[in-house]
Amino acid sequence: MAESAYLDAAELRQLTGYARATEQRRFLTENGIPFKPVHARTIVMHRHVEAWIQGNPIARRAEPNFAMVR
């Protein structure tokens, strides 16, 4: 079975040191780790955590700024 692209609940708890989503999200925000809140769940990609641990920039997808187009 292939490893999931996302942290499971135990991995997220181990990374942040918190079980509650609000504290987990605060930790992730303070440390610049992207996440997606989905109801009571917090979705975090393994590759973002690995990049953070290695001190590498974390690639984020951004929408183009159409206001800059003339």
PDB file of N, CA and C in Angstrom:
ATOM      1  N   MET A   1       0.842  -1.185   0.000  1.00  0.00           N
ATOM      2  CA  MET A   1       0.000   0.000   0.000  1.00  0.00           C
ATOM      3  C   MET A   1       0.887   1.249   0.000  1.00  0.00           C
ATOM      4  N   ALA A   2       0.580   2.202  -0.828  1.00  0.00           N
ATOM      5  CA  ALA A   2       1.360   3.427  -0.938  1.00  0.00           C
ATOM      6  C   ALA A   2       1.070   4.357   0.240  1.00  0.00           C
ATOM      7  N   GLU A   3       2.097   5.114   0.624  1.00  0.00           N
ATOM      8  CA  GLU A   3       1.931   6.075   1.704  1.00  0.00           C
ATOM      9  C   GLU A   3       1.050   7.225   1.224  1.00  0.00           C
ATOM     10  N   SER A   4       0.202   7.711   2.102  1.00  0.00           N
ATOM     11  CA  SER A   4      -0.677   8.826   1.767  1.00  0.00           C
ATOM     12  C   SER A   4       0.138  10.106   1.586  1.00  0.00           C
ATOM     13  N   ALA A   5      -0.356  10.998   0.773  1.00  0.00           N
ATOM     14  CA  ALA A   5       0.295  12.294   0.565  1.00  0.00           C
ATOM     15  C   ALA A   5       0.055  13.219   1.758  1.00  0.00           C
ATOM     16  N   TYR A   6      -0.867  12.834   2.649  1.00  0.00           N
ATOM     17  CA  TYR A   6      -1.272  13.697   3.752  1.00  0.00           C
ATOM     18  C   TYR A   6      -0.961  13.070   5.105  1.00  0.00           C
ATOM     19  N   LEU A   7      -0.677  13.928   6.090  1.00  0.00           N
ATOM     20  CA  LEU A   7      -0.460  13.438   7.443  1.00  0.00           C
ATOM     21  C   LEU A   7      -1.757  12.862   7.996  1.00  0.00           C
ATOM     22  N   ASP A   8      -1.644  11.777   8.746  1.00  0.00           N
ATOM     23  CA  ASP A   8      -2.828  11.268   9.428  1.00  0.00           C
ATOM     24  C   ASP A   8      -2.935  11.982  10.778  1.00  0.00           C
ATOM     25  N   ALA A   9      -3.985  11.712  11.518  1.00  0.00           N
ATOM     26  CA  ALA A   9      -4.248  12.418  12.779  1.00  0.00           C
ATOM     27  C   ALA A   9      -3.102  12.249  13.772  1.00  0.00           C
ATOM     28  N   ALA A  10      -2.547  11.047  13.866  1.00  0.00           N
ATOM     29  CA  ALA A  10      -1.451  10.797  14.808  1.00  0.00           C
ATOM     30  C   ALA A  10      -0.192  11.568  14.403  1.00  0.00           C
ATOM     31  N   GLU A  11       0.106  11.609  13.118  1.00  0.00           N
ATOM     32  CA  GLU A  11       1.277  12.349  12.636  1.00  0.00           C
ATOM     33  C   GLU A  11       1.123  13.849  12.878  1.00  0.00           C
ATOM     34  N   LEU A  12      -0.070  14.365  12.651  1.00  0.00           N
ATOM     35  CA  LEU A  12      -0.325  15.780  12.873  1.00  0.00           C
ATOM     36  C   LEU A  12      -0.196  16.122  14.358  1.00  0.00           C
ATOM     37  N   ARG A  13      -0.692  15.259  15.214  1.00  0.00           N
ATOM     38  CA  ARG A  13      -0.580  15.446  16.655  1.00  0.00           C
ATOM     39  C   ARG A  13       0.885  15.398  17.077  1.00  0.00           C
ATOM     40  N   GLN A  14       1.654  14.467  16.512  1.00  0.00           N
ATOM     41  CA  GLN A  14       3.072  14.357  16.843  1.00  0.00           C
ATOM     42  C   GLN A  14       3.844  15.593  16.367  1.00  0.00           C
ATOM     43  N   LEU A  15       3.553  16.077  15.177  1.00  0.00           N
ATOM     44  CA  LEU A  15       4.237  17.244  14.633  1.00  0.00           C
ATOM     45  C   LEU A  15       3.971  18.487  15.472  1.00  0.00           C
ATOM     46  N   THR A  16       2.706  18.729  15.786  1.00  0.00           N
ATOM     47  CA  THR A  16       2.326  19.975  16.453  1.00  0.00           C
ATOM     48  C   THR A  16       2.398  19.904  17.976  1.00  0.00           C
ATOM     49  N   GLY A  17       2.247  18.700  18.509  1.00  0.00           N
ATOM     50  CA  GLY A  17       2.189  18.557  19.960  1.00  0.00           C
ATOM     51  C   GLY A  17       0.798  18.817  20.511  1.00  0.00           C
ATOM     52  N   TYR A  18      -0.162  18.961  19.618  1.00  0.00           N
ATOM     53  CA  TYR A  18      -1.540  19.262  20.024  1.00  0.00           C
ATOM     54  C   TYR A  18      -2.523  18.287  19.397  1.00  0.00           C
ATOM     55  N   ALA A  19      -3.627  18.038  20.109  1.00  0.00           N
ATOM     56  CA  ALA A  19      -4.686  17.176  19.596  1.00  0.00           C
ATOM     57  C   ALA A  19      -5.833  17.996  19.007  1.00  0.00           C
ATOM     58  N   ARG A  20      -6.028  19.210  19.512  1.00  0.00           N
ATOM     59  CA  ARG A  20      -7.140  20.052  19.043  1.00  0.00           C
ATOM     60  C   ARG A  20      -6.763  20.806  17.781  1.00  0.00           C
ATOM     61  N   ALA A  21      -7.709  20.863  16.851  1.00  0.00           N
ATOM     62  CA  ALA A  21      -7.461  21.490  15.553  1.00  0.00           C
ATOM     63  C   ALA A  21      -7.053  22.953  15.687  1.00  0.00           C
ATOM     64  N   THR A  22      -7.643  23.686  16.610  1.00  0.00           N
ATOM     65  CA  THR A  22      -7.304  25.109  16.735  1.00  0.00           C
ATOM     66  C   THR A  22      -5.839  25.305  17.099  1.00  0.00           C
ATOM     67  N   GLU A  23      -5.335  24.504  18.019  1.00  0.00           N
ATOM     68  CA  GLU A  23      -3.927  24.601  18.397  1.00  0.00           C
ATOM     69  C   GLU A  23      -3.013  24.102  17.285  1.00  0.00           C
ATOM     70  N   GLN A  24      -3.430  23.036  16.601  1.00  0.00           N
ATOM     71  CA  GLN A  24      -2.649  22.523  15.472  1.00  0.00           C
ATOM     72  C   GLN A  24      -2.518  23.593  14.391  1.00  0.00           C
ATOM     73  N   ARG A  25      -3.621  24.249  14.075  1.00  0.00           N
ATOM     74  CA  ARG A  25      -3.612  25.277  13.031  1.00  0.00           C
ATOM     75  C   ARG A  25      -2.764  26.472  13.437  1.00  0.00           C
ATOM     76  N   ARG A  26      -2.805  26.830  14.705  1.00  0.00           N
ATOM     77  CA  ARG A  26      -1.960  27.930  15.181  1.00  0.00           C
ATOM     78  C   ARG A  26      -0.488  27.567  15.018  1.00  0.00           C
ATOM     79  N   PHE A  27      -0.103  26.346  15.405  1.00  0.00           N
ATOM     80  CA  PHE A  27       1.279  25.882  15.242  1.00  0.00           C
ATOM     81  C   PHE A  27       1.692  25.929  13.780  1.00  0.00           C
ATOM     82  N   LEU A  28       0.856  25.398  12.909  1.00  0.00           N
ATOM     83  CA  LEU A  28       1.166  25.351  11.482  1.00  0.00           C
ATOM     84  C   LEU A  28       1.322  26.758  10.908  1.00  0.00           C
ATOM     85  N   THR A  29       0.426  27.654  11.273  1.00  0.00           N
ATOM     86  CA  THR A  29       0.488  29.034  10.801  1.00  0.00           C
ATOM     87  C   THR A  29       1.768  29.707  11.291  1.00  0.00           C
ATOM     88  N   GLU A  30       2.076  29.559  12.573  1.00  0.00           N
ATOM     89  CA  GLU A  30       3.271  30.187  13.154  1.00  0.00           C
ATOM     90  C   GLU A  30       4.554  29.673  12.523  1.00  0.00           C
ATOM     91  N   ASN A  31       4.527  28.441  12.022  1.00  0.00           N
ATOM     92  CA  ASN A  31       5.723  27.839  11.444  1.00  0.00           C
ATOM     93  C   ASN A  31       5.722  27.855   9.919  1.00  0.00           C
ATOM     94  N   GLY A  32       4.713  28.497   9.325  1.00  0.00           N
ATOM     95  CA  GLY A  32       4.679  28.661   7.875  1.00  0.00           C
ATOM     96  C   GLY A  32       4.404  27.390   7.096  1.00  0.00           C
ATOM     97  N   ILE A  33       3.732  26.443   7.716  1.00  0.00           N
ATOM     98  CA  ILE A  33       3.402  25.183   7.051  1.00  0.00           C
ATOM     99  C   ILE A  33       1.981  25.295   6.499  1.00  0.00           C
ATOM    100  N   PRO A  34       1.815  25.194   5.186  1.00  0.00           N
ATOM    101  CA  PRO A  34       0.469  25.305   4.605  1.00  0.00           C
ATOM    102  C   PRO A  34      -0.441  24.156   5.057  1.00  0.00           C
ATOM    103  N   PHE A  35      -1.704  24.476   5.222  1.00  0.00           N
ATOM    104  CA  PHE A  35      -2.707  23.470   5.573  1.00  0.00           C
ATOM    105  C   PHE A  35      -4.044  23.907   5.008  1.00  0.00           C
ATOM    106  N   LYS A  36      -4.961  22.973   4.990  1.00  0.00           N
ATOM    107  CA  LYS A  36      -6.313  23.233   4.513  1.00  0.00           C
ATOM    108  C   LYS A  36      -7.279  22.797   5.608  1.00  0.00           C
ATOM    109  N   PRO A  37      -8.035  23.737   6.196  1.00  0.00           N
ATOM    110  CA  PRO A  37      -9.037  23.332   7.181  1.00  0.00           C
ATOM    111  C   PRO A  37     -10.283  22.797   6.474  1.00  0.00           C
ATOM    112  N   VAL A  38     -10.706  21.618   6.876  1.00  0.00           N
ATOM    113  CA  VAL A  38     -11.918  21.013   6.322  1.00  0.00           C
ATOM    114  C   VAL A  38     -12.761  20.548   7.510  1.00  0.00           C
ATOM    115  N   HIS A  39     -13.741  21.380   7.853  1.00  0.00           N
ATOM    116  CA  HIS A  39     -14.580  21.139   9.026  1.00  0.00           C
ATOM    117  C   HIS A  39     -13.685  20.978  10.247  1.00  0.00           C
ATOM    118  N   ALA A  40     -13.727  19.857  10.932  1.00  0.00           N
ATOM    119  CA  ALA A  40     -12.911  19.652  12.127  1.00  0.00           C
ATOM    120  C   ALA A  40     -11.525  19.097  11.801  1.00  0.00           C
ATOM    121  N   ARG A  41     -11.259  18.783  10.542  1.00  0.00           N
ATOM    122  CA  ARG A  41      -9.973  18.207  10.144  1.00  0.00           C
ATOM    123  C   ARG A  41      -9.019  19.292   9.658  1.00  0.00           C
ATOM    124  N   THR A  42      -7.740  19.003   9.798  1.00  0.00           N
ATOM    125  CA  THR A  42      -6.700  19.872   9.273  1.00  0.00           C
ATOM    126  C   THR A  42      -5.859  19.026   8.327  1.00  0.00           C
ATOM    127  N   ILE A  43      -5.829  19.396   7.069  1.00  0.00           N
ATOM    128  CA  ILE A  43      -5.135  18.629   6.041  1.00  0.00           C
ATOM    129  C   ILE A  43      -3.756  19.241   5.819  1.00  0.00           C
ATOM    130  N   VAL A  44      -2.716  18.413   5.961  1.00  0.00           N
ATOM    131  CA  VAL A  44      -1.333  18.853   5.778  1.00  0.00           C
ATOM    132  C   VAL A  44      -0.622  17.832   4.893  1.00  0.00           C
ATOM    133  N   MET A  45       0.105  18.313   3.905  1.00  0.00           N
ATOM    134  CA  MET A  45       0.831  17.418   3.000  1.00  0.00           C
ATOM    135  C   MET A  45       2.199  17.046   3.587  1.00  0.00           C
ATOM    136  N   HIS A  46       2.568  15.780   3.428  1.00  0.00           N
ATOM    137  CA  HIS A  46       3.887  15.324   3.872  1.00  0.00           C
ATOM    138  C   HIS A  46       5.004  16.159   3.258  1.00  0.00           C
ATOM    139  N   ARG A  47       4.881  16.485   1.964  1.00  0.00           N
ATOM    140  CA  ARG A  47       5.972  17.204   1.293  1.00  0.00           C
ATOM    141  C   ARG A  47       6.192  18.589   1.889  1.00  0.00           C
ATOM    142  N   HIS A  48       5.129  19.229   2.402  1.00  0.00           N
ATOM    143  CA  HIS A  48       5.291  20.527   3.041  1.00  0.00           C
ATOM    144  C   HIS A  48       6.038  20.395   4.359  1.00  0.00           C
ATOM    145  N   VAL A  49       5.733  19.354   5.112  1.00  0.00           N
ATOM    146  CA  VAL A  49       6.424  19.127   6.378  1.00  0.00           C
ATOM    147  C   VAL A  49       7.891  18.791   6.121  1.00  0.00           C
ATOM    148  N   GLU A  50       8.154  17.957   5.121  1.00  0.00           N
ATOM    149  CA  GLU A  50       9.535  17.606   4.793  1.00  0.00           C
ATOM    150  C   GLU A  50      10.332  18.840   4.373  1.00  0.00           C
ATOM    151  N   ALA A  51       9.737  19.705   3.561  1.00  0.00           N
ATOM    152  CA  ALA A  51      10.420  20.930   3.141  1.00  0.00           C
ATOM    153  C   ALA A  51      10.694  21.824   4.340  1.00  0.00           C
ATOM    154  N   TRP A  52       9.751  21.935   5.256  1.00  0.00           N
ATOM    155  CA  TRP A  52       9.920  22.754   6.460  1.00  0.00           C
ATOM    156  C   TRP A  52      11.060  22.221   7.325  1.00  0.00           C
ATOM    157  N   ILE A  53      11.093  20.913   7.529  1.00  0.00           N
ATOM    158  CA  ILE A  53      12.145  20.302   8.340  1.00  0.00           C
ATOM    159  C   ILE A  53      13.520  20.531   7.716  1.00  0.00           C
ATOM    160  N   GLN A  54      13.584  20.447   6.395  1.00  0.00           N
ATOM    161  CA  GLN A  54      14.848  20.624   5.683  1.00  0.00           C
ATOM    162  C   GLN A  54      15.238  22.092   5.531  1.00  0.00           C
ATOM    163  N   GLY A  55      14.335  22.993   5.881  1.00  0.00           N
ATOM    164  CA  GLY A  55      14.615  24.415   5.753  1.00  0.00           C
ATOM    165  C   GLY A  55      14.470  24.943   4.339  1.00  0.00           C
ATOM    166  N   ASN A  56      13.791  24.179   3.498  1.00  0.00           N
ATOM    167  CA  ASN A  56      13.568  24.583   2.108  1.00  0.00           C
ATOM    168  C   ASN A  56      12.305  25.417   1.990  1.00  0.00           C
ATOM    169  N   PRO A  57      12.251  26.290   0.994  1.00  0.00           N
ATOM    170  CA  PRO A  57      11.014  27.048   0.770  1.00  0.00           C
ATOM    171  C   PRO A  57       9.869  26.097   0.450  1.00  0.00           C
ATOM    172  N   ILE A  58       8.707  26.435   0.920  1.00  0.00           N
ATOM    173  CA  ILE A  58       7.532  25.607   0.679  1.00  0.00           C
ATOM    174  C   ILE A  58       6.768  26.199  -0.494  1.00  0.00           C
ATOM    175  N   ALA A  59       6.680  25.411  -1.555  1.00  0.00           N
ATOM    176  CA  ALA A  59       5.991  25.868  -2.766  1.00  0.00           C
ATOM    177  C   ALA A  59       4.495  25.919  -2.499  1.00  0.00           C
ATOM    178  N   ARG A  60       3.916  27.037  -2.817  1.00  0.00           N
ATOM    179  CA  ARG A  60       2.469  27.206  -2.681  1.00  0.00           C
ATOM    180  C   ARG A  60       1.924  27.594  -4.041  1.00  0.00           C
ATOM    181  N   ARG A  61       0.777  27.099  -4.344  1.00  0.00           N
ATOM    182  CA  ARG A  61       0.124  27.479  -5.597  1.00  0.00           C
ATOM    183  C   ARG A  61      -0.615  28.786  -5.364  1.00  0.00           C
ATOM    184  N   ALA A  62      -0.400  29.703  -6.252  1.00  0.00           N
ATOM    185  CA  ALA A  62      -1.062  30.999  -6.126  1.00  0.00           C
ATOM    186  C   ALA A  62      -1.813  31.323  -7.406  1.00  0.00           C
ATOM    187  N   GLU A  63      -2.883  32.038  -7.243  1.00  0.00           N
ATOM    188  CA  GLU A  63      -3.656  32.498  -8.380  1.00  0.00           C
ATOM    189  C   GLU A  63      -2.943  33.691  -9.001  1.00  0.00           C
ATOM    190  N   PRO A  64      -3.012  33.840 -10.296  1.00  0.00           N
ATOM    191  CA  PRO A  64      -2.405  35.023 -10.921  1.00  0.00           C
ATOM    192  C   PRO A  64      -3.139  36.294 -10.500  1.00  0.00           C
ATOM    193  N   ASN A  65      -2.406  37.380 -10.419  1.00  0.00           N
ATOM    194  CA  ASN A  65      -2.992  38.665 -10.078  1.00  0.00           C
ATOM    195  C   ASN A  65      -3.439  39.349 -11.371  1.00  0.00           C
ATOM    196  N   PHE A  66      -4.701  39.159 -11.726  1.00  0.00           N
ATOM    197  CA  PHE A  66      -5.219  39.704 -12.978  1.00  0.00           C
ATOM    198  C   PHE A  66      -5.324  41.230 -12.951  1.00  0.00           C
ATOM    199  N   ALA A  67      -5.275  41.827 -11.770  1.00  0.00           N
ATOM    200  CA  ALA A  67      -5.306  43.279 -11.670  1.00  0.00           C
ATOM    201  C   ALA A  67      -4.045  43.898 -12.266  1.00  0.00           C
ATOM    202  N   MET A  68      -2.973  43.118 -12.354  1.00  0.00           N
ATOM    203  CA  MET A  68      -1.719  43.606 -12.900  1.00  0.00           C
ATOM    204  C   MET A  68      -1.708  43.547 -14.437  1.00  0.00           C
ATOM    205  N   VAL A  69      -2.682  42.891 -15.036  1.00  0.00           N
ATOM    206  CA  VAL A  69      -2.743  42.759 -16.495  1.00  0.00           C
ATOM    207  C   VAL A  69      -3.483  43.971 -17.062  1.00  0.00           C
ATOM    208  N   ARG A  70      -2.880  44.584 -18.059  1.00  0.00           N
ATOM    209  CA  ARG A  70      -3.532  45.766 -18.674  1.00  0.00           C
ATOM    210  C   ARG A  70      -3.990  45.447 -20.062  1.00  0.00           C
TER     211      ARG A  70
END
